[in-house]
Amino acid sequence: MGESKRRKETLGEKYGQEQNIFPWLPITKKQGEQFVIWTTRGAWAGIGLLVVTWITIRFIGPGFGWWHVD
């Protein structure tokens, strides 16, 4: 008997279903990976927005008289 058949008999109905990260947490491993991907994208978007804001305040703003930096 092959390992997959043995595993299928042992797991029964749960065979082929994704496992949760922790038994008490209803989040699958794939959902955890997607969370990491989206939060990484959000972090980079925030960093980009911070840089654009800094450039606007530091260089463009004084040219329009918004903010004076000596």
PDB file of N, CA and C in Angstrom:
ATOM      1  N   MET A   1       0.845  -1.173   0.000  1.00  0.00           N
ATOM      2  CA  MET A   1       0.000   0.000   0.000  1.00  0.00           C
ATOM      3  C   MET A   1       0.896   1.243   0.000  1.00  0.00           C
ATOM      4  N   GLY A   2       0.536   2.225  -0.816  1.00  0.00           N
ATOM      5  CA  GLY A   2       1.326   3.446  -0.907  1.00  0.00           C
ATOM      6  C   GLY A   2       1.070   4.389   0.252  1.00  0.00           C
ATOM      7  N   GLU A   3       1.977   5.311   0.404  1.00  0.00           N
ATOM      8  CA  GLU A   3       1.883   6.271   1.503  1.00  0.00           C
ATOM      9  C   GLU A   3       0.640   7.146   1.379  1.00  0.00           C
ATOM     10  N   SER A   4       0.288   7.549   0.163  1.00  0.00           N
ATOM     11  CA  SER A   4      -0.878   8.417  -0.001  1.00  0.00           C
ATOM     12  C   SER A   4      -2.167   7.685   0.360  1.00  0.00           C
ATOM     13  N   LYS A   5      -2.267   6.398   0.028  1.00  0.00           N
ATOM     14  CA  LYS A   5      -3.460   5.632   0.398  1.00  0.00           C
ATOM     15  C   LYS A   5      -3.540   5.476   1.910  1.00  0.00           C
ATOM     16  N   ARG A   6      -2.415   5.247   2.541  1.00  0.00           N
ATOM     17  CA  ARG A   6      -2.377   5.113   3.994  1.00  0.00           C
ATOM     18  C   ARG A   6      -2.787   6.434   4.651  1.00  0.00           C
ATOM     19  N   ARG A   7      -2.284   7.523   4.116  1.00  0.00           N
ATOM     20  CA  ARG A   7      -2.634   8.839   4.654  1.00  0.00           C
ATOM     21  C   ARG A   7      -4.119   9.117   4.466  1.00  0.00           C
ATOM     22  N   LYS A   8      -4.664   8.734   3.308  1.00  0.00           N
ATOM     23  CA  LYS A   8      -6.079   8.954   3.019  1.00  0.00           C
ATOM     24  C   LYS A   8      -6.947   8.165   3.989  1.00  0.00           C
ATOM     25  N   GLU A   9      -6.551   6.934   4.285  1.00  0.00           N
ATOM     26  CA  GLU A   9      -7.314   6.134   5.236  1.00  0.00           C
ATOM     27  C   GLU A   9      -7.231   6.708   6.641  1.00  0.00           C
ATOM     28  N   THR A  10      -6.067   7.229   7.003  1.00  0.00           N
ATOM     29  CA  THR A  10      -5.876   7.778   8.346  1.00  0.00           C
ATOM     30  C   THR A  10      -6.664   9.071   8.530  1.00  0.00           C
ATOM     31  N   LEU A  11      -6.611   9.957   7.550  1.00  0.00           N
ATOM     32  CA  LEU A  11      -7.257  11.263   7.680  1.00  0.00           C
ATOM     33  C   LEU A  11      -8.758  11.216   7.412  1.00  0.00           C
ATOM     34  N   GLY A  12      -9.191  10.296   6.602  1.00  0.00           N
ATOM     35  CA  GLY A  12     -10.622  10.183   6.303  1.00  0.00           C
ATOM     36  C   GLY A  12     -11.139  11.382   5.539  1.00  0.00           C
ATOM     37  N   GLU A  13     -12.150  12.069   6.118  1.00  0.00           N
ATOM     38  CA  GLU A  13     -12.779  13.219   5.449  1.00  0.00           C
ATOM     39  C   GLU A  13     -11.850  14.410   5.317  1.00  0.00           C
ATOM     40  N   LYS A  14     -10.889  14.537   6.177  1.00  0.00           N
ATOM     41  CA  LYS A  14      -9.982  15.688   6.154  1.00  0.00           C
ATOM     42  C   LYS A  14      -8.916  15.574   5.069  1.00  0.00           C
ATOM     43  N   TYR A  15      -8.840  14.450   4.370  1.00  0.00           N
ATOM     44  CA  TYR A  15      -7.820  14.249   3.340  1.00  0.00           C
ATOM     45  C   TYR A  15      -8.025  15.235   2.196  1.00  0.00           C
ATOM     46  N   GLY A  16      -6.983  15.919   1.809  1.00  0.00           N
ATOM     47  CA  GLY A  16      -7.028  16.862   0.691  1.00  0.00           C
ATOM     48  C   GLY A  16      -7.436  18.267   1.082  1.00  0.00           C
ATOM     49  N   GLN A  17      -7.853  18.476   2.310  1.00  0.00           N
ATOM     50  CA  GLN A  17      -8.227  19.814   2.755  1.00  0.00           C
ATOM     51  C   GLN A  17      -6.994  20.525   3.305  1.00  0.00           C
ATOM     52  N   GLU A  18      -7.007  21.830   3.164  1.00  0.00           N
ATOM     53  CA  GLU A  18      -5.870  22.598   3.671  1.00  0.00           C
ATOM     54  C   GLU A  18      -5.869  22.596   5.193  1.00  0.00           C
ATOM     55  N   GLN A  19      -4.670  22.581   5.753  1.00  0.00           N
ATOM     56  CA  GLN A  19      -4.543  22.613   7.202  1.00  0.00           C
ATOM     57  C   GLN A  19      -4.515  24.051   7.696  1.00  0.00           C
ATOM     58  N   ASN A  20      -4.976  24.226   8.925  1.00  0.00           N
ATOM     59  CA  ASN A  20      -4.890  25.547   9.554  1.00  0.00           C
ATOM     60  C   ASN A  20      -3.479  25.765  10.073  1.00  0.00           C
ATOM     61  N   ILE A  21      -3.124  27.043  10.231  1.00  0.00           N
ATOM     62  CA  ILE A  21      -1.814  27.373  10.764  1.00  0.00           C
ATOM     63  C   ILE A  21      -1.693  26.824  12.182  1.00  0.00           C
ATOM     64  N   PHE A  22      -2.706  27.101  12.989  1.00  0.00           N
ATOM     65  CA  PHE A  22      -2.809  26.556  14.346  1.00  0.00           C
ATOM     66  C   PHE A  22      -4.180  25.903  14.460  1.00  0.00           C
ATOM     67  N   PRO A  23      -4.321  24.864  15.243  1.00  0.00           N
ATOM     68  CA  PRO A  23      -5.634  24.210  15.368  1.00  0.00           C
ATOM     69  C   PRO A  23      -6.723  25.147  15.894  1.00  0.00           C
ATOM     70  N   TRP A  24      -6.366  26.094  16.730  1.00  0.00           N
ATOM     71  CA  TRP A  24      -7.347  26.992  17.331  1.00  0.00           C
ATOM     72  C   TRP A  24      -7.573  28.257  16.505  1.00  0.00           C
ATOM     73  N   LEU A  25      -6.847  28.431  15.399  1.00  0.00           N
ATOM     74  CA  LEU A  25      -6.961  29.623  14.558  1.00  0.00           C
ATOM     75  C   LEU A  25      -7.539  29.223  13.203  1.00  0.00           C
ATOM     76  N   PRO A  26      -8.726  29.730  12.843  1.00  0.00           N
ATOM     77  CA  PRO A  26      -9.367  29.299  11.598  1.00  0.00           C
ATOM     78  C   PRO A  26      -8.802  29.977  10.346  1.00  0.00           C
ATOM     79  N   ILE A  27      -7.484  29.963  10.191  1.00  0.00           N
ATOM     80  CA  ILE A  27      -6.828  30.548   9.023  1.00  0.00           C
ATOM     81  C   ILE A  27      -5.943  29.473   8.415  1.00  0.00           C
ATOM     82  N   THR A  28      -6.102  29.255   7.105  1.00  0.00           N
ATOM     83  CA  THR A  28      -5.299  28.240   6.434  1.00  0.00           C
ATOM     84  C   THR A  28      -3.920  28.792   6.096  1.00  0.00           C
ATOM     85  N   LYS A  29      -3.031  27.899   5.731  1.00  0.00           N
ATOM     86  CA  LYS A  29      -1.671  28.324   5.381  1.00  0.00           C
ATOM     87  C   LYS A  29      -1.684  29.225   4.155  1.00  0.00           C
ATOM     88  N   LYS A  30      -2.538  28.929   3.189  1.00  0.00           N
ATOM     89  CA  LYS A  30      -2.619  29.752   1.973  1.00  0.00           C
ATOM     90  C   LYS A  30      -3.120  31.164   2.310  1.00  0.00           C
ATOM     91  N   GLN A  31      -4.090  31.256   3.212  1.00  0.00           N
ATOM     92  CA  GLN A  31      -4.574  32.575   3.623  1.00  0.00           C
ATOM     93  C   GLN A  31      -3.481  33.346   4.352  1.00  0.00           C
ATOM     94  N   GLY A  32      -2.660  32.660   5.126  1.00  0.00           N
ATOM     95  CA  GLY A  32      -1.536  33.304   5.806  1.00  0.00           C
ATOM     96  C   GLY A  32      -0.524  33.846   4.818  1.00  0.00           C
ATOM     97  N   GLU A  33      -0.251  33.072   3.769  1.00  0.00           N
ATOM     98  CA  GLU A  33       0.682  33.531   2.735  1.00  0.00           C
ATOM     99  C   GLU A  33       0.136  34.758   2.009  1.00  0.00           C
ATOM    100  N   GLN A  34      -1.168  34.751   1.699  1.00  0.00           N
ATOM    101  CA  GLN A  34      -1.781  35.894   1.032  1.00  0.00           C
ATOM    102  C   GLN A  34      -1.715  37.141   1.926  1.00  0.00           C
ATOM    103  N   PHE A  35      -1.898  36.962   3.229  1.00  0.00           N
ATOM    104  CA  PHE A  35      -1.806  38.081   4.164  1.00  0.00           C
ATOM    105  C   PHE A  35      -0.418  38.701   4.125  1.00  0.00           C
ATOM    106  N   VAL A  36       0.600  37.870   4.094  1.00  0.00           N
ATOM    107  CA  VAL A  36       1.980  38.373   4.040  1.00  0.00           C
ATOM    108  C   VAL A  36       2.213  39.139   2.742  1.00  0.00           C
ATOM    109  N   ILE A  37       1.720  38.614   1.630  1.00  0.00           N
ATOM    110  CA  ILE A  37       1.889  39.283   0.331  1.00  0.00           C
ATOM    111  C   ILE A  37       1.227  40.662   0.344  1.00  0.00           C
ATOM    112  N   TRP A  38      -0.024  40.736   0.813  1.00  0.00           N
ATOM    113  CA  TRP A  38      -0.745  42.009   0.809  1.00  0.00           C
ATOM    114  C   TRP A  38      -0.147  43.021   1.779  1.00  0.00           C
ATOM    115  N   THR A  39       0.279  42.567   2.957  1.00  0.00           N
ATOM    116  CA  THR A  39       0.871  43.519   3.900  1.00  0.00           C
ATOM    117  C   THR A  39       2.224  44.021   3.410  1.00  0.00           C
ATOM    118  N   THR A  40       2.965  43.191   2.693  1.00  0.00           N
ATOM    119  CA  THR A  40       4.235  43.638   2.114  1.00  0.00           C
ATOM    120  C   THR A  40       3.986  44.695   1.049  1.00  0.00           C
ATOM    121  N   ARG A  41       2.991  44.461   0.198  1.00  0.00           N
ATOM    122  CA  ARG A  41       2.644  45.467  -0.816  1.00  0.00           C
ATOM    123  C   ARG A  41       2.204  46.777  -0.163  1.00  0.00           C
ATOM    124  N   GLY A  42       1.397  46.660   0.893  1.00  0.00           N
ATOM    125  CA  GLY A  42       0.933  47.854   1.598  1.00  0.00           C
ATOM    126  C   GLY A  42       2.085  48.624   2.226  1.00  0.00           C
ATOM    127  N   ALA A  43       3.058  47.897   2.764  1.00  0.00           N
ATOM    128  CA  ALA A  43       4.220  48.554   3.363  1.00  0.00           C
ATOM    129  C   ALA A  43       5.009  49.316   2.301  1.00  0.00           C
ATOM    130  N   TRP A  44       5.230  48.695   1.149  1.00  0.00           N
ATOM    131  CA  TRP A  44       5.967  49.384   0.088  1.00  0.00           C
ATOM    132  C   TRP A  44       5.189  50.581  -0.444  1.00  0.00           C
ATOM    133  N   ALA A  45       3.872  50.457  -0.530  1.00  0.00           N
ATOM    134  CA  ALA A  45       3.054  51.600  -0.966  1.00  0.00           C
ATOM    135  C   ALA A  45       3.177  52.738   0.045  1.00  0.00           C
ATOM    136  N   GLY A  46       3.175  52.419   1.321  1.00  0.00           N
ATOM    137  CA  GLY A  46       3.343  53.438   2.359  1.00  0.00           C
ATOM    138  C   GLY A  46       4.693  54.107   2.295  1.00  0.00           C
ATOM    139  N   ILE A  47       5.729  53.323   2.035  1.00  0.00           N
ATOM    140  CA  ILE A  47       7.080  53.890   1.897  1.00  0.00           C
ATOM    141  C   ILE A  47       7.130  54.830   0.700  1.00  0.00           C
ATOM    142  N   GLY A  48       6.532  54.424  -0.412  1.00  0.00           N
ATOM    143  CA  GLY A  48       6.490  55.282  -1.604  1.00  0.00           C
ATOM    144  C   GLY A  48       5.740  56.571  -1.342  1.00  0.00           C
ATOM    145  N   LEU A  49       4.612  56.471  -0.643  1.00  0.00           N
ATOM    146  CA  LEU A  49       3.835  57.661  -0.306  1.00  0.00           C
ATOM    147  C   LEU A  49       4.617  58.583   0.626  1.00  0.00           C
ATOM    148  N   LEU A  50       5.350  58.015   1.557  1.00  0.00           N
ATOM    149  CA  LEU A  50       6.187  58.805   2.458  1.00  0.00           C
ATOM    150  C   LEU A  50       7.264  59.564   1.685  1.00  0.00           C
ATOM    151  N   VAL A  51       7.903  58.912   0.723  1.00  0.00           N
ATOM    152  CA  VAL A  51       8.947  59.557  -0.081  1.00  0.00           C
ATOM    153  C   VAL A  51       8.358  60.689  -0.910  1.00  0.00           C
ATOM    154  N   VAL A  52       7.204  60.450  -1.536  1.00  0.00           N
ATOM    155  CA  VAL A  52       6.563  61.493  -2.348  1.00  0.00           C
ATOM    156  C   VAL A  52       6.177  62.684  -1.477  1.00  0.00           C
ATOM    157  N   THR A  53       5.643  62.412  -0.301  1.00  0.00           N
ATOM    158  CA  THR A  53       5.276  63.494   0.617  1.00  0.00           C
ATOM    159  C   THR A  53       6.511  64.276   1.059  1.00  0.00           C
ATOM    160  N   TRP A  54       7.575  63.567   1.388  1.00  0.00           N
ATOM    161  CA  TRP A  54       8.808  64.226   1.824  1.00  0.00           C
ATOM    162  C   TRP A  54       9.374  65.117   0.713  1.00  0.00           C
ATOM    163  N   ILE A  55       9.395  64.606  -0.513  1.00  0.00           N
ATOM    164  CA  ILE A  55       9.906  65.400  -1.648  1.00  0.00           C
ATOM    165  C   ILE A  55       9.049  66.642  -1.846  1.00  0.00           C
ATOM    166  N   THR A  56       7.732  66.486  -1.734  1.00  0.00           N
ATOM    167  CA  THR A  56       6.830  67.627  -1.904  1.00  0.00           C
ATOM    168  C   THR A  56       7.082  68.689  -0.839  1.00  0.00           C
ATOM    169  N   ILE A  57       7.167  68.270   0.402  1.00  0.00           N
ATOM    170  CA  ILE A  57       7.362  69.235   1.486  1.00  0.00           C
ATOM    171  C   ILE A  57       8.758  69.859   1.433  1.00  0.00           C
ATOM    172  N   ARG A  58       9.775  69.055   1.159  1.00  0.00           N
ATOM    173  CA  ARG A  58      11.162  69.517   1.239  1.00  0.00           C
ATOM    174  C   ARG A  58      11.586  70.371   0.042  1.00  0.00           C
ATOM    175  N   PHE A  59      11.191  69.978  -1.155  1.00  0.00           N
ATOM    176  CA  PHE A  59      11.686  70.659  -2.356  1.00  0.00           C
ATOM    177  C   PHE A  59      10.626  71.465  -3.091  1.00  0.00           C
ATOM    178  N   ILE A  60       9.467  70.921  -3.296  1.00  0.00           N
ATOM    179  CA  ILE A  60       8.444  71.606  -4.097  1.00  0.00           C
ATOM    180  C   ILE A  60       7.721  72.668  -3.272  1.00  0.00           C
ATOM    181  N   GLY A  61       7.404  72.341  -2.015  1.00  0.00           N
ATOM    182  CA  GLY A  61       6.674  73.274  -1.149  1.00  0.00           C
ATOM    183  C   GLY A  61       7.319  74.629  -1.004  1.00  0.00           C
ATOM    184  N   PRO A  62       8.618  74.716  -0.703  1.00  0.00           N
ATOM    185  CA  PRO A  62       9.244  76.038  -0.564  1.00  0.00           C
ATOM    186  C   PRO A  62       9.180  76.867  -1.846  1.00  0.00           C
ATOM    187  N   GLY A  63       9.155  76.218  -2.995  1.00  0.00           N
ATOM    188  CA  GLY A  63       9.061  76.957  -4.256  1.00  0.00           C
ATOM    189  C   GLY A  63       7.733  77.671  -4.410  1.00  0.00           C
ATOM    190  N   PHE A  64       6.698  77.149  -3.791  1.00  0.00           N
ATOM    191  CA  PHE A  64       5.385  77.778  -3.844  1.00  0.00           C
ATOM    192  C   PHE A  64       5.102  78.628  -2.607  1.00  0.00           C
ATOM    193  N   GLY A  65       6.068  78.708  -1.712  1.00  0.00           N
ATOM    194  CA  GLY A  65       5.889  79.505  -0.517  1.00  0.00           C
ATOM    195  C   GLY A  65       5.104  78.792   0.570  1.00  0.00           C
ATOM    196  N   TRP A  66       4.925  77.454   0.467  1.00  0.00           N
ATOM    197  CA  TRP A  66       4.147  76.714   1.461  1.00  0.00           C
ATOM    198  C   TRP A  66       4.903  76.570   2.757  1.00  0.00           C
ATOM    199  N   TRP A  67       6.198  76.373   2.640  1.00  0.00           N
ATOM    200  CA  TRP A  67       6.977  76.032   3.816  1.00  0.00           C
ATOM    201  C   TRP A  67       8.381  76.579   3.588  1.00  0.00           C
ATOM    202  N   HIS A  68       8.873  77.274   4.549  1.00  0.00           N
ATOM    203  CA  HIS A  68      10.199  77.859   4.382  1.00  0.00           C
ATOM    204  C   HIS A  68      11.192  77.127   5.289  1.00  0.00           C
ATOM    205  N   VAL A  69      12.230  76.540   4.666  1.00  0.00           N
ATOM    206  CA  VAL A  69      13.257  75.819   5.410  1.00  0.00           C
ATOM    207  C   VAL A  69      14.566  76.552   5.205  1.00  0.00           C
ATOM    208  N   ASP A  70      15.212  76.976   6.291  1.00  0.00           N
ATOM    209  CA  ASP A  70      16.494  77.686   6.172  1.00  0.00           C
ATOM    210  C   ASP A  70      17.634  76.720   6.133  1.00  0.00           C
TER     211      ASP A  70
END
